[in-house]
């Protein structure tokens, strides 16, 4: 028997099968399209997401050579927050709004103008700075701007909860989502005070019941079984957001563990056994299953900086059989420090939330000289993400002794070593690959009693594939480059601007 983990990323949906030992047996993925119909909007079509989900489930079963009856339980994870709206019959009423959507920023600015403590009150409850794509501000925007649609609304989900609804027909959410909606970070759930702050008290019925991440939230319906090849009646647990699932699946669910998830976003955090709100008004507090928390700082754009670099600076490399290996080779042709070229990796429509909150911050090169060529610019992009990781850990009160690096960025030995050199800390690469799907699967296994607790399940899969220790010979080079980066970062953040002006 196997566990199935589904991972709905921003633009890729994945499925993977795992044995009781947590070892991955097969995996499949399918890309989806993110649309931007207006400046700062970010949306995904629900039917397309569901079609991709059914396709990857069928594909992973075929690749493993098993049928749906061999799946003991299913867990779901995915990109957090946003808003996917359905009517009473379960039909989507509009495109799903994603986590990186910025349409609510003018409303947030107006609230902050009328109540200077508005954002601080949110942080005091959730432990997280408020992102424009959080569910509550997006729901507020929908009620204000699309009242005809919302008059027909029956439920507002996050992406993974919508897909689980399609599997089971049951509406639910989990504590990792509810606490950052924004909600109550201490209680790891929703907050009535936050609902009232956003004027959503009369609309609280639109937000689904919160169940524990490892609770069985429903069973695969006959209709979903026919579309996916799964067995009707297979239990599906509530699941968790992608951050929590990646921590679990990489073996990092233990107090004191420091984790960097270098994927589409770049998240850096330390797992705690009690919630931390320090420093105030900065960073995110993620609730984790097992009554744990992760104090985190996020550079909103992670490997998407490399995607941009390949597309915009090196389109000729896209024809290479392995374009990212070719991009990495180009970066290696430049010396550490990139010859003084600096790249600030703030490549996002919604700005940054660490090491400072700035909706207007945007990516840029600095320190360019006539002698710089593509190798220096490309290396500066890689180094810029490494410095951003250091920025994030430096902003937290908790100090790591080593960092567990997961996500697509950890597959690169070159980049992993660079991060170790910049941080001055050992960087450990966990075994496995689909960490989010693995974490979702382990939650499913816990839900059906395969593991005594989710902490036990995470410990079982922790295995370090390789360790990168910092090179002492490069310490002075990277310290000097780090100071240059910090100077340009500070200069950017001193420039006043508003996200609504850019839109």
Protein backbone atom coordinates (compact mmCIF):
# COMPACT_ATOMS: atom_id res chain seq x y z
CA UNK A 1 0.00 0.00 0.00
CA UNK A 2 1.09 3.56 -0.73
CA UNK A 3 0.46 7.13 0.34
CA UNK A 4 -0.35 9.73 -2.31
CA UNK A 5 0.83 13.31 -1.87
CA UNK A 6 -0.52 16.12 -4.04
CA UNK A 7 1.32 19.45 -4.23
CA UNK A 8 -0.40 22.35 -5.99
CA UNK A 9 2.25 24.99 -6.60
CA UNK A 10 1.73 28.38 -8.19
CA UNK A 11 2.20 27.07 -11.73
CA UNK A 12 2.91 23.33 -11.32
CA UNK A 13 0.77 20.56 -9.86
CA UNK A 14 2.60 17.44 -8.71
CA UNK A 15 1.66 14.00 -7.46
CA UNK A 16 3.98 11.49 -5.82
CA UNK A 17 3.58 8.03 -4.30
CA UNK A 18 5.42 7.04 -1.12
CA UNK A 19 5.82 3.81 0.81
CA UNK A 20 5.39 3.48 4.55
CA UNK A 21 9.12 4.20 4.90
CA UNK A 22 8.61 7.60 3.26
CA UNK A 23 10.62 6.62 0.19
CA UNK A 24 9.30 8.06 -3.06
CA UNK A 25 8.18 5.43 -5.58
CA UNK A 26 6.96 7.60 -8.47
CA UNK A 27 6.19 11.22 -9.30
CA UNK A 28 4.45 13.22 -12.01
CA UNK A 29 3.88 16.90 -12.70
CA UNK A 30 1.84 19.13 -14.98
CA UNK A 31 2.23 22.86 -15.55
CA UNK A 32 -0.67 25.25 -15.24
CA UNK A 33 -1.00 28.84 -16.44
CA UNK A 34 -0.96 31.93 -14.25
CA UNK A 35 -2.86 34.85 -15.76
CA UNK A 36 -2.39 38.56 -15.05
CA UNK A 37 -5.52 40.24 -16.49
CA UNK A 38 -4.71 43.53 -14.74
CA UNK A 39 -1.57 44.99 -13.15
CA UNK A 40 -0.76 43.23 -9.86
CA UNK A 41 -3.45 40.56 -10.42
CA UNK A 42 -2.46 36.88 -10.33
CA UNK A 43 -5.05 34.21 -11.11
CA UNK A 44 -5.42 30.56 -12.06
CA UNK A 45 -8.33 28.74 -13.68
CA UNK A 46 -9.91 26.23 -11.24
CA UNK A 47 -11.01 23.80 -13.94
CA UNK A 48 -7.54 23.78 -15.46
CA UNK A 49 -6.04 23.12 -12.02
CA UNK A 50 -8.44 20.22 -11.46
CA UNK A 51 -7.73 18.78 -14.91
CA UNK A 52 -4.00 18.92 -14.17
CA UNK A 53 -4.61 17.21 -10.83
CA UNK A 54 -6.56 14.33 -12.38
CA UNK A 55 -3.87 13.96 -15.05
CA UNK A 56 -0.94 13.75 -12.62
CA UNK A 57 -2.78 11.26 -10.39
CA UNK A 58 -3.43 8.96 -13.34
CA UNK A 59 0.16 9.41 -14.53
CA UNK A 60 1.76 8.64 -11.17
CA UNK A 61 -0.35 5.50 -10.73
CA UNK A 62 0.65 4.36 -14.22
CA UNK A 63 4.36 5.07 -13.63
CA UNK A 64 4.26 3.10 -10.38
CA UNK A 65 2.39 0.27 -12.07
CA UNK A 66 -0.39 0.22 -9.46
CA UNK A 67 -4.10 0.94 -9.42
CA UNK A 68 -6.08 3.25 -7.18
CA UNK A 69 -6.87 0.49 -4.71
CA UNK A 70 -3.18 0.47 -3.74
CA UNK A 71 -3.45 4.01 -2.31
CA UNK A 72 -4.15 3.86 1.43
CA UNK A 73 -4.65 7.59 1.97
CA UNK A 74 -4.14 10.95 0.32
CA UNK A 75 -2.69 14.23 1.56
CA UNK A 76 -2.84 17.62 -0.16
CA UNK A 77 -0.58 20.65 0.07
CA UNK A 78 -0.16 23.75 -2.03
CA UNK A 79 0.56 27.44 -2.28
CA UNK A 80 -1.14 29.19 0.61
CA UNK A 81 -3.68 32.02 1.04
CA UNK A 82 -5.46 33.64 -1.93
CA UNK A 83 -9.13 32.92 -2.64
CA UNK A 84 -10.91 30.25 -4.72
CA UNK A 85 -14.66 30.88 -4.68
CA UNK A 86 -17.43 28.31 -5.29
CA UNK A 87 -21.22 28.42 -5.25
CA UNK A 88 -23.55 26.10 -3.35
CA UNK A 89 -23.31 23.50 -6.12
CA UNK A 90 -19.52 23.50 -5.92
CA UNK A 91 -18.99 25.38 -9.19
CA UNK A 92 -16.19 27.95 -9.39
CA UNK A 93 -17.58 31.48 -9.67
CA UNK A 94 -14.40 33.13 -10.96
CA UNK A 95 -10.69 32.40 -11.48
CA UNK A 96 -8.78 31.48 -8.34
CA UNK A 97 -6.81 34.36 -6.83
CA UNK A 98 -3.23 33.38 -5.95
CA UNK A 99 -0.97 34.23 -3.03
CA UNK A 100 1.07 36.80 -5.01
CA UNK A 101 -1.95 38.87 -6.06
CA UNK A 102 -1.69 42.57 -5.18
CA UNK A 103 -5.15 43.98 -5.92
CA UNK A 104 -5.95 44.64 -2.26
CA UNK A 105 -2.98 46.97 -1.70
CA UNK A 106 -4.90 50.27 -2.22
CA UNK A 107 -7.48 49.16 0.35
CA UNK A 108 -4.71 48.22 2.78
CA UNK A 109 -3.06 51.61 2.31
CA UNK A 110 -6.37 53.37 2.92
CA UNK A 111 -6.92 51.42 6.13
CA UNK A 112 -3.39 52.20 7.28
CA UNK A 113 -3.93 55.89 6.59
CA UNK A 114 -7.09 55.93 8.71
CA UNK A 115 -5.60 53.74 11.44
CA UNK A 116 -1.78 53.93 11.64
CA UNK A 117 -1.80 50.88 13.94
CA UNK A 118 -3.79 48.76 11.44
CA UNK A 119 -0.90 46.56 10.27
CA UNK A 120 0.57 46.28 13.75
CA UNK A 121 -2.77 45.03 15.09
CA UNK A 122 -2.76 42.31 12.46
CA UNK A 123 0.80 41.30 13.34
CA UNK A 124 -0.05 41.18 17.04
CA UNK A 125 -2.69 38.56 16.28
CA UNK A 126 -1.15 36.48 13.50
CA UNK A 127 2.59 37.01 14.07
CA UNK A 128 2.86 37.78 10.36
CA UNK A 129 3.08 40.89 8.27
CA UNK A 130 0.06 41.24 6.05
CA UNK A 131 0.56 40.23 2.43
CA UNK A 132 -1.78 41.62 -0.19
CA UNK A 133 -2.69 38.10 -1.30
CA UNK A 134 -3.86 36.96 2.14
CA UNK A 135 -7.36 35.53 2.15
CA UNK A 136 -9.07 38.18 4.30
CA UNK A 137 -7.99 41.27 2.32
CA UNK A 138 -8.73 39.45 -0.95
CA UNK A 139 -12.17 38.47 0.35
CA UNK A 140 -12.76 42.08 1.39
CA UNK A 141 -11.82 43.20 -2.16
CA UNK A 142 -14.17 40.64 -3.73
CA UNK A 143 -17.10 41.76 -1.59
CA UNK A 144 -16.42 45.39 -2.46
CA UNK A 145 -15.72 45.00 -6.19
CA UNK A 146 -17.59 41.87 -7.30
CA UNK A 147 -20.76 41.91 -5.16
CA UNK A 148 -22.84 40.13 -7.82
CA UNK A 149 -20.48 37.18 -7.81
CA UNK A 150 -20.11 37.11 -4.04
CA UNK A 151 -23.88 37.14 -3.58
CA UNK A 152 -23.78 33.62 -5.08
CA UNK A 153 -20.71 32.51 -3.13
CA UNK A 154 -20.94 29.57 -0.73
CA UNK A 155 -17.30 29.00 0.23
CA UNK A 156 -13.88 30.65 -0.16
CA UNK A 157 -10.89 28.29 -0.15
CA UNK A 158 -7.17 28.27 -0.59
CA UNK A 159 -5.95 26.38 -3.67
CA UNK A 160 -5.21 23.04 -1.97
CA UNK A 161 -8.55 23.12 -0.13
CA UNK A 162 -10.39 23.60 -3.42
CA UNK A 163 -8.63 20.57 -4.92
CA UNK A 164 -9.41 18.49 -1.84
CA UNK A 165 -13.04 19.58 -2.18
CA UNK A 166 -13.02 18.28 -5.75
CA UNK A 167 -11.72 14.95 -4.47
CA UNK A 168 -14.12 14.59 -1.55
CA UNK A 169 -17.01 17.02 -1.92
CA UNK A 170 -16.26 18.24 1.63
CA UNK A 171 -15.41 21.83 2.56
CA UNK A 172 -12.56 22.30 5.06
CA UNK A 173 -9.38 24.26 5.82
CA UNK A 174 -6.41 23.55 8.08
CA UNK A 175 -4.65 25.52 10.85
CA UNK A 176 -1.63 26.45 8.72
CA UNK A 177 -3.94 28.35 6.34
CA UNK A 178 -6.35 29.75 8.92
CA UNK A 179 -3.63 31.30 11.08
CA UNK A 180 -2.15 33.36 8.22
CA UNK A 181 -5.49 34.42 6.69
CA UNK A 182 -4.65 36.51 8.88
CA UNK A 183 -5.82 34.69 11.99
CA UNK A 184 -4.62 33.78 15.49
CA UNK A 185 -0.99 32.67 15.49
CA UNK A 186 -0.99 31.59 19.11
CA UNK A 187 -4.11 29.45 18.86
CA UNK A 188 -3.22 28.30 15.32
CA UNK A 189 -6.63 29.08 13.89
CA UNK A 190 -9.08 31.74 12.83
CA UNK A 191 -9.53 35.00 14.70
CA UNK A 192 -12.91 36.63 15.26
CA UNK A 193 -11.10 39.91 15.94
CA UNK A 194 -9.42 39.74 12.51
CA UNK A 195 -12.72 38.98 10.78
CA UNK A 196 -14.24 42.04 12.43
CA UNK A 197 -11.22 44.19 11.59
CA UNK A 198 -11.75 43.42 7.90
CA UNK A 199 -15.51 43.90 8.17
CA UNK A 200 -16.08 40.22 7.45
CA UNK A 201 -18.11 39.24 10.51
CA UNK A 202 -21.34 38.85 8.50
CA UNK A 203 -19.45 36.75 5.94
CA UNK A 204 -17.62 34.33 8.24
CA UNK A 205 -19.80 31.50 6.88
CA UNK A 206 -17.84 31.72 3.61
CA UNK A 207 -14.70 30.40 5.31
CA UNK A 208 -14.73 26.62 5.80
CA UNK A 209 -14.42 24.65 9.03
CA UNK A 210 -10.82 24.30 10.29
CA UNK A 211 -9.73 20.70 10.89
CA UNK A 212 -6.35 19.35 12.08
CA UNK A 213 -3.90 18.81 9.24
CA UNK A 214 -3.79 15.03 9.80
CA UNK A 215 -7.57 14.65 10.30
CA UNK A 216 -9.52 12.71 7.69
CA UNK A 217 -11.50 15.47 5.97
CA UNK A 218 -13.42 13.25 3.55
CA UNK A 219 -13.33 10.29 1.19
CA UNK A 220 -12.73 10.16 -2.55
CA UNK A 221 -16.11 10.40 -4.25
CA UNK A 222 -17.28 8.11 -7.04
CA UNK A 223 -17.13 11.04 -9.47
CA UNK A 224 -13.53 11.91 -8.48
CA UNK A 225 -12.57 8.23 -8.62
CA UNK A 226 -13.81 8.02 -12.21
CA UNK A 227 -11.70 11.03 -13.20
CA UNK A 228 -8.52 10.13 -11.33
CA UNK A 229 -8.33 6.35 -11.24
CA UNK A 230 -8.40 6.40 -7.45
CA UNK A 231 -10.59 4.06 -5.42
CA UNK A 232 -13.85 5.58 -4.18
CA UNK A 233 -13.83 5.80 -0.39
CA UNK A 234 -10.06 6.39 -0.07
CA UNK A 235 -9.48 8.72 2.93
CA UNK A 236 -8.16 12.22 2.26
CA UNK A 237 -6.67 14.20 5.16
CA UNK A 238 -6.98 17.95 5.52
CA UNK A 239 -3.33 18.56 4.66
CA UNK A 240 -1.23 21.66 5.21
CA UNK A 241 0.18 24.64 3.36
CA UNK A 242 3.29 24.21 1.25
CA UNK A 243 5.62 25.65 3.87
CA UNK A 244 4.56 23.22 6.60
CA UNK A 245 4.48 20.28 4.19
CA UNK A 246 8.00 21.00 2.92
CA UNK A 247 9.35 21.21 6.47
CA UNK A 248 7.72 17.87 7.32
CA UNK A 249 8.81 16.15 4.11
CA UNK A 250 12.43 17.30 4.38
CA UNK A 251 12.70 15.97 7.93
CA UNK A 252 12.81 19.40 9.57
CA UNK A 253 9.79 19.17 11.91
CA UNK A 254 11.69 19.56 15.20
CA UNK A 255 12.26 22.55 17.47
CA UNK A 256 15.55 24.28 16.65
CA UNK A 257 15.69 23.13 13.04
CA UNK A 258 16.56 25.90 10.56
CA UNK A 259 15.14 25.52 7.09
CA UNK A 260 15.39 27.30 3.78
CA UNK A 261 12.89 26.38 1.08
CA UNK A 262 14.36 27.76 -2.15
CA UNK A 263 11.59 27.34 -4.68
CA UNK A 264 9.37 29.86 -6.46
CA UNK A 265 9.65 31.84 -3.25
CA UNK A 266 12.61 31.80 -0.87
CA UNK A 267 11.48 31.08 2.67
CA UNK A 268 13.86 30.94 5.62
CA UNK A 269 12.83 29.98 9.13
CA UNK A 270 13.55 28.36 12.45
CA UNK A 271 11.18 25.81 13.99
CA UNK A 272 10.06 26.69 17.54
CA UNK A 273 8.07 24.99 20.29
CA UNK A 274 6.36 28.29 21.19
CA UNK A 275 5.17 31.17 18.99
CA UNK A 276 7.58 34.09 18.55
CA UNK A 277 6.51 37.61 17.61
CA UNK A 278 10.06 39.00 17.60
CA UNK A 279 11.03 41.18 15.80
CA UNK A 280 7.66 42.95 15.73
CA UNK A 281 5.99 43.89 12.45
CA UNK A 282 8.42 41.84 10.37
CA UNK A 283 8.38 38.33 8.98
CA UNK A 284 5.88 35.51 9.15
CA UNK A 285 4.81 33.06 11.84
CA UNK A 286 3.76 29.74 10.35
CA UNK A 287 1.78 27.25 12.36
CA UNK A 288 3.08 23.70 11.99
CA UNK A 289 1.35 20.43 12.84
CA UNK A 290 2.30 18.98 16.22
CA UNK A 291 1.90 22.35 18.05
CA UNK A 292 5.07 23.77 16.56
CA UNK A 293 5.70 27.10 14.84
CA UNK A 294 8.19 28.45 12.34
CA UNK A 295 9.46 32.03 12.65
CA UNK A 296 10.21 32.94 9.07
CA UNK A 297 11.47 35.63 6.77
CA UNK A 298 10.64 35.38 3.09
CA UNK A 299 12.20 36.80 -0.03
CA UNK A 300 9.05 36.70 -2.14
CA UNK A 301 10.86 35.74 -5.37
CA UNK A 302 13.14 32.70 -5.27
CA UNK A 303 14.05 30.57 -8.29
CA UNK A 304 11.77 32.79 -10.39
CA UNK A 305 14.81 35.11 -10.52
CA UNK A 306 16.68 32.39 -12.44
CA UNK A 307 13.70 31.90 -14.76
CA UNK A 308 13.76 35.62 -15.52
CA UNK A 309 17.54 35.60 -15.97
CA UNK A 310 17.36 32.73 -18.45
CA UNK A 311 14.46 34.28 -20.36
CA UNK A 312 15.69 37.86 -20.44
CA UNK A 313 19.50 37.77 -20.28
CA UNK A 314 20.28 34.37 -21.78
CA UNK A 315 17.53 33.36 -24.23
CA UNK A 316 20.14 31.56 -26.36
CA UNK A 317 20.72 29.10 -23.49
CA UNK A 318 17.07 28.08 -23.56
CA UNK A 319 17.87 25.90 -26.57
CA UNK A 320 20.40 23.95 -24.50
CA UNK A 321 19.31 20.42 -23.49
CA UNK A 322 19.76 21.52 -19.85
CA UNK A 323 19.37 25.32 -19.88
CA UNK A 324 19.80 25.74 -16.13
CA UNK A 325 23.06 23.77 -16.15
CA UNK A 326 24.25 26.09 -18.93
CA UNK A 327 23.17 29.13 -16.89
CA UNK A 328 25.06 27.81 -13.88
CA UNK A 329 28.20 27.22 -15.99
CA UNK A 330 28.01 30.84 -17.16
CA UNK A 331 27.79 32.02 -13.54
CA UNK A 332 30.79 29.87 -12.58
CA UNK A 333 32.85 31.66 -15.23
CA UNK A 334 32.76 34.80 -13.04
CA UNK A 335 34.73 35.06 -9.80
CA UNK A 336 33.04 35.10 -6.36
CA UNK A 337 31.73 38.60 -5.71
CA UNK A 338 30.66 38.96 -9.36
CA UNK A 339 33.29 41.63 -9.95
CA UNK A 340 31.35 44.10 -7.81
CA UNK A 341 28.03 43.66 -9.66
CA UNK A 342 25.07 43.41 -7.29
CA UNK A 343 21.57 42.06 -7.90
CA UNK A 344 18.68 42.70 -5.50
CA UNK A 345 16.31 39.72 -6.02
CA UNK A 346 13.02 41.53 -5.36
CA UNK A 347 11.36 40.28 -8.54
CA UNK A 348 7.75 40.41 -7.43
CA UNK A 349 4.61 42.40 -8.18
CA UNK A 350 3.96 42.68 -4.44
CA UNK A 351 7.38 43.92 -3.30
CA UNK A 352 9.12 42.41 -0.28
CA UNK A 353 8.28 41.44 3.30
CA UNK A 354 11.85 40.81 4.53
CA UNK A 355 14.26 42.18 5.66
CA UNK A 356 11.80 45.09 5.55
CA UNK A 357 8.24 45.52 4.36
CA UNK A 358 8.05 47.45 1.11
CA UNK A 359 5.27 46.95 -1.43
CA UNK A 360 7.20 49.13 -3.87
CA UNK A 361 10.60 47.37 -3.77
CA UNK A 362 11.61 45.90 -7.11
CA UNK A 363 14.54 43.86 -8.38
CA UNK A 364 17.51 45.72 -9.84
CA UNK A 365 21.18 45.50 -10.73
CA UNK A 366 23.62 47.92 -9.13
CA UNK A 367 27.34 48.61 -9.23
CA UNK A 368 27.64 47.86 -12.94
CA UNK A 369 30.87 48.79 -14.72
CA UNK A 370 31.95 48.69 -18.40
CA UNK A 371 33.93 45.51 -17.80
CA UNK A 372 30.96 43.49 -16.61
CA UNK A 373 29.54 40.91 -18.98
CA UNK A 374 26.92 38.22 -18.85
CA UNK A 375 28.92 35.94 -16.51
CA UNK A 376 29.09 38.65 -13.84
CA UNK A 377 25.41 39.54 -14.20
CA UNK A 378 24.30 35.92 -14.03
CA UNK A 379 26.53 35.22 -11.05
CA UNK A 380 25.15 38.33 -9.36
CA UNK A 381 21.65 36.84 -9.66
CA UNK A 382 22.75 33.62 -7.92
CA UNK A 383 24.63 35.58 -5.27
CA UNK A 384 21.73 37.97 -4.78
CA UNK A 385 19.50 35.11 -3.60
CA UNK A 386 22.26 33.89 -1.27
CA UNK A 387 22.56 37.37 0.27
CA UNK A 388 18.77 37.56 0.58
CA UNK A 389 18.84 34.30 2.56
CA UNK A 390 21.49 35.78 4.85
CA UNK A 391 19.36 38.92 5.17
CA UNK A 392 16.41 36.82 6.29
CA UNK A 393 18.25 34.86 8.96
CA UNK A 394 19.99 38.02 10.20
CA UNK A 395 16.58 39.63 10.76
CA UNK A 396 15.49 36.92 13.22
CA UNK A 397 16.29 36.64 16.90
CA UNK A 398 16.93 32.90 16.52
CA UNK A 399 20.41 32.02 15.24
CA UNK A 400 20.84 28.76 13.28
CA UNK A 401 23.87 26.50 13.56
CA UNK A 402 23.20 24.85 10.20
CA UNK A 403 20.52 25.14 7.51
CA UNK A 404 18.42 22.41 5.90
CA UNK A 405 18.04 23.51 2.26
CA UNK A 406 15.15 22.10 0.23
CA UNK A 407 13.30 23.15 -2.89
CA UNK A 408 14.56 23.27 -6.44
CA UNK A 409 17.54 25.44 -5.52
CA UNK A 410 18.98 22.67 -3.36
CA UNK A 411 19.50 20.46 -6.41
CA UNK A 412 22.37 22.73 -7.51
CA UNK A 413 25.69 21.86 -5.86
CA UNK A 414 27.11 25.17 -7.09
CA UNK A 415 24.33 27.24 -5.53
CA UNK A 416 24.20 25.18 -2.32
CA UNK A 417 27.94 25.72 -1.78
CA UNK A 418 27.58 29.43 -2.51
CA UNK A 419 24.83 29.72 0.11
CA UNK A 420 27.01 27.93 2.68
CA UNK A 421 29.90 30.30 1.88
CA UNK A 422 27.72 33.41 2.14
CA UNK A 423 26.03 32.28 5.38
CA UNK A 424 29.21 30.93 6.93
CA UNK A 425 27.17 27.89 8.03
CA UNK A 426 26.94 24.24 6.98
CA UNK A 427 24.11 23.69 4.50
CA UNK A 428 22.49 20.25 4.51
CA UNK A 429 20.59 18.89 1.51
CA UNK A 430 17.92 16.37 2.53
CA UNK A 431 17.38 13.16 0.61
CA UNK A 432 14.36 12.99 -1.65
CA UNK A 433 12.93 15.51 -4.07
CA UNK A 434 9.21 16.19 -3.76
CA UNK A 435 9.35 17.43 -0.16
CA UNK A 436 5.93 19.11 -0.20
CA UNK A 437 4.19 16.04 -1.60
CA UNK A 438 6.11 13.90 0.89
CA UNK A 439 4.94 16.05 3.79
CA UNK A 440 1.35 15.80 2.59
CA UNK A 441 1.70 12.03 2.28
CA UNK A 442 3.14 11.74 5.80
CA UNK A 443 0.15 13.67 7.14
CA UNK A 444 -2.07 11.15 5.36
CA UNK A 445 -0.14 8.26 6.89
CA UNK A 446 -0.47 9.82 10.34
CA UNK A 447 -4.19 10.28 9.77
CA UNK A 448 -4.73 6.55 9.13
CA UNK A 449 -2.47 5.45 11.98
CA UNK A 450 0.66 4.42 10.10
CA UNK A 451 2.72 6.75 12.32
CA UNK A 452 2.13 7.62 15.99
CA UNK A 453 2.58 11.36 15.28
CA UNK A 454 3.56 13.68 12.47
CA UNK A 455 6.79 14.47 14.33
CA UNK A 456 7.68 10.78 14.32
CA UNK A 457 6.85 10.56 10.61
CA UNK A 458 9.10 13.54 9.78
CA UNK A 459 11.98 12.11 11.82
CA UNK A 460 11.71 8.84 9.90
CA UNK A 461 12.33 10.50 6.55
CA UNK A 462 15.16 12.80 7.65
CA UNK A 463 18.26 11.76 5.76
CA UNK A 464 20.98 14.16 4.65
CA UNK A 465 22.09 13.51 1.09
CA UNK A 466 25.07 15.86 1.23
CA UNK A 467 26.53 18.65 3.37
CA UNK A 468 28.20 21.84 2.11
CA UNK A 469 30.62 23.43 4.58
CA UNK A 470 31.70 27.07 4.12
CA UNK A 471 35.07 27.59 2.43
CA UNK A 472 37.26 29.71 4.78
CA UNK A 473 39.27 30.97 1.79
CA UNK A 474 36.20 32.80 0.44
CA UNK A 475 35.10 34.39 3.70
CA UNK A 476 36.66 37.83 3.11
CA UNK A 477 35.45 37.98 -0.51
CA UNK A 478 31.86 37.26 0.43
CA UNK A 479 31.93 39.54 3.48
CA UNK A 480 32.96 42.44 1.25
CA UNK A 481 30.31 41.50 -1.33
CA UNK A 482 27.72 41.22 1.45
CA UNK A 483 28.51 44.79 2.58
CA UNK A 484 28.12 46.06 -1.00
CA UNK A 485 24.79 44.26 -1.30
CA UNK A 486 23.60 45.74 2.00
CA UNK A 487 24.48 49.27 0.91
CA UNK A 488 22.48 48.97 -2.30
CA UNK A 489 19.59 47.28 -0.48
CA UNK A 490 19.41 50.08 2.08
CA UNK A 491 19.53 52.73 -0.64
CA UNK A 492 16.61 51.08 -2.42
CA UNK A 493 14.51 50.81 0.72
CA UNK A 494 15.03 54.51 1.50
CA UNK A 495 13.26 55.43 -1.76
CA UNK A 496 9.61 56.25 -0.89
CA UNK A 497 6.95 54.90 -3.23
CA UNK A 498 3.59 53.20 -3.11
CA UNK A 499 2.50 50.00 -4.78
CA UNK A 500 -0.74 51.69 -5.89
CA UNK A 501 1.31 54.33 -7.75
CA UNK A 502 3.09 51.60 -9.71
CA UNK A 503 -0.24 49.99 -10.61
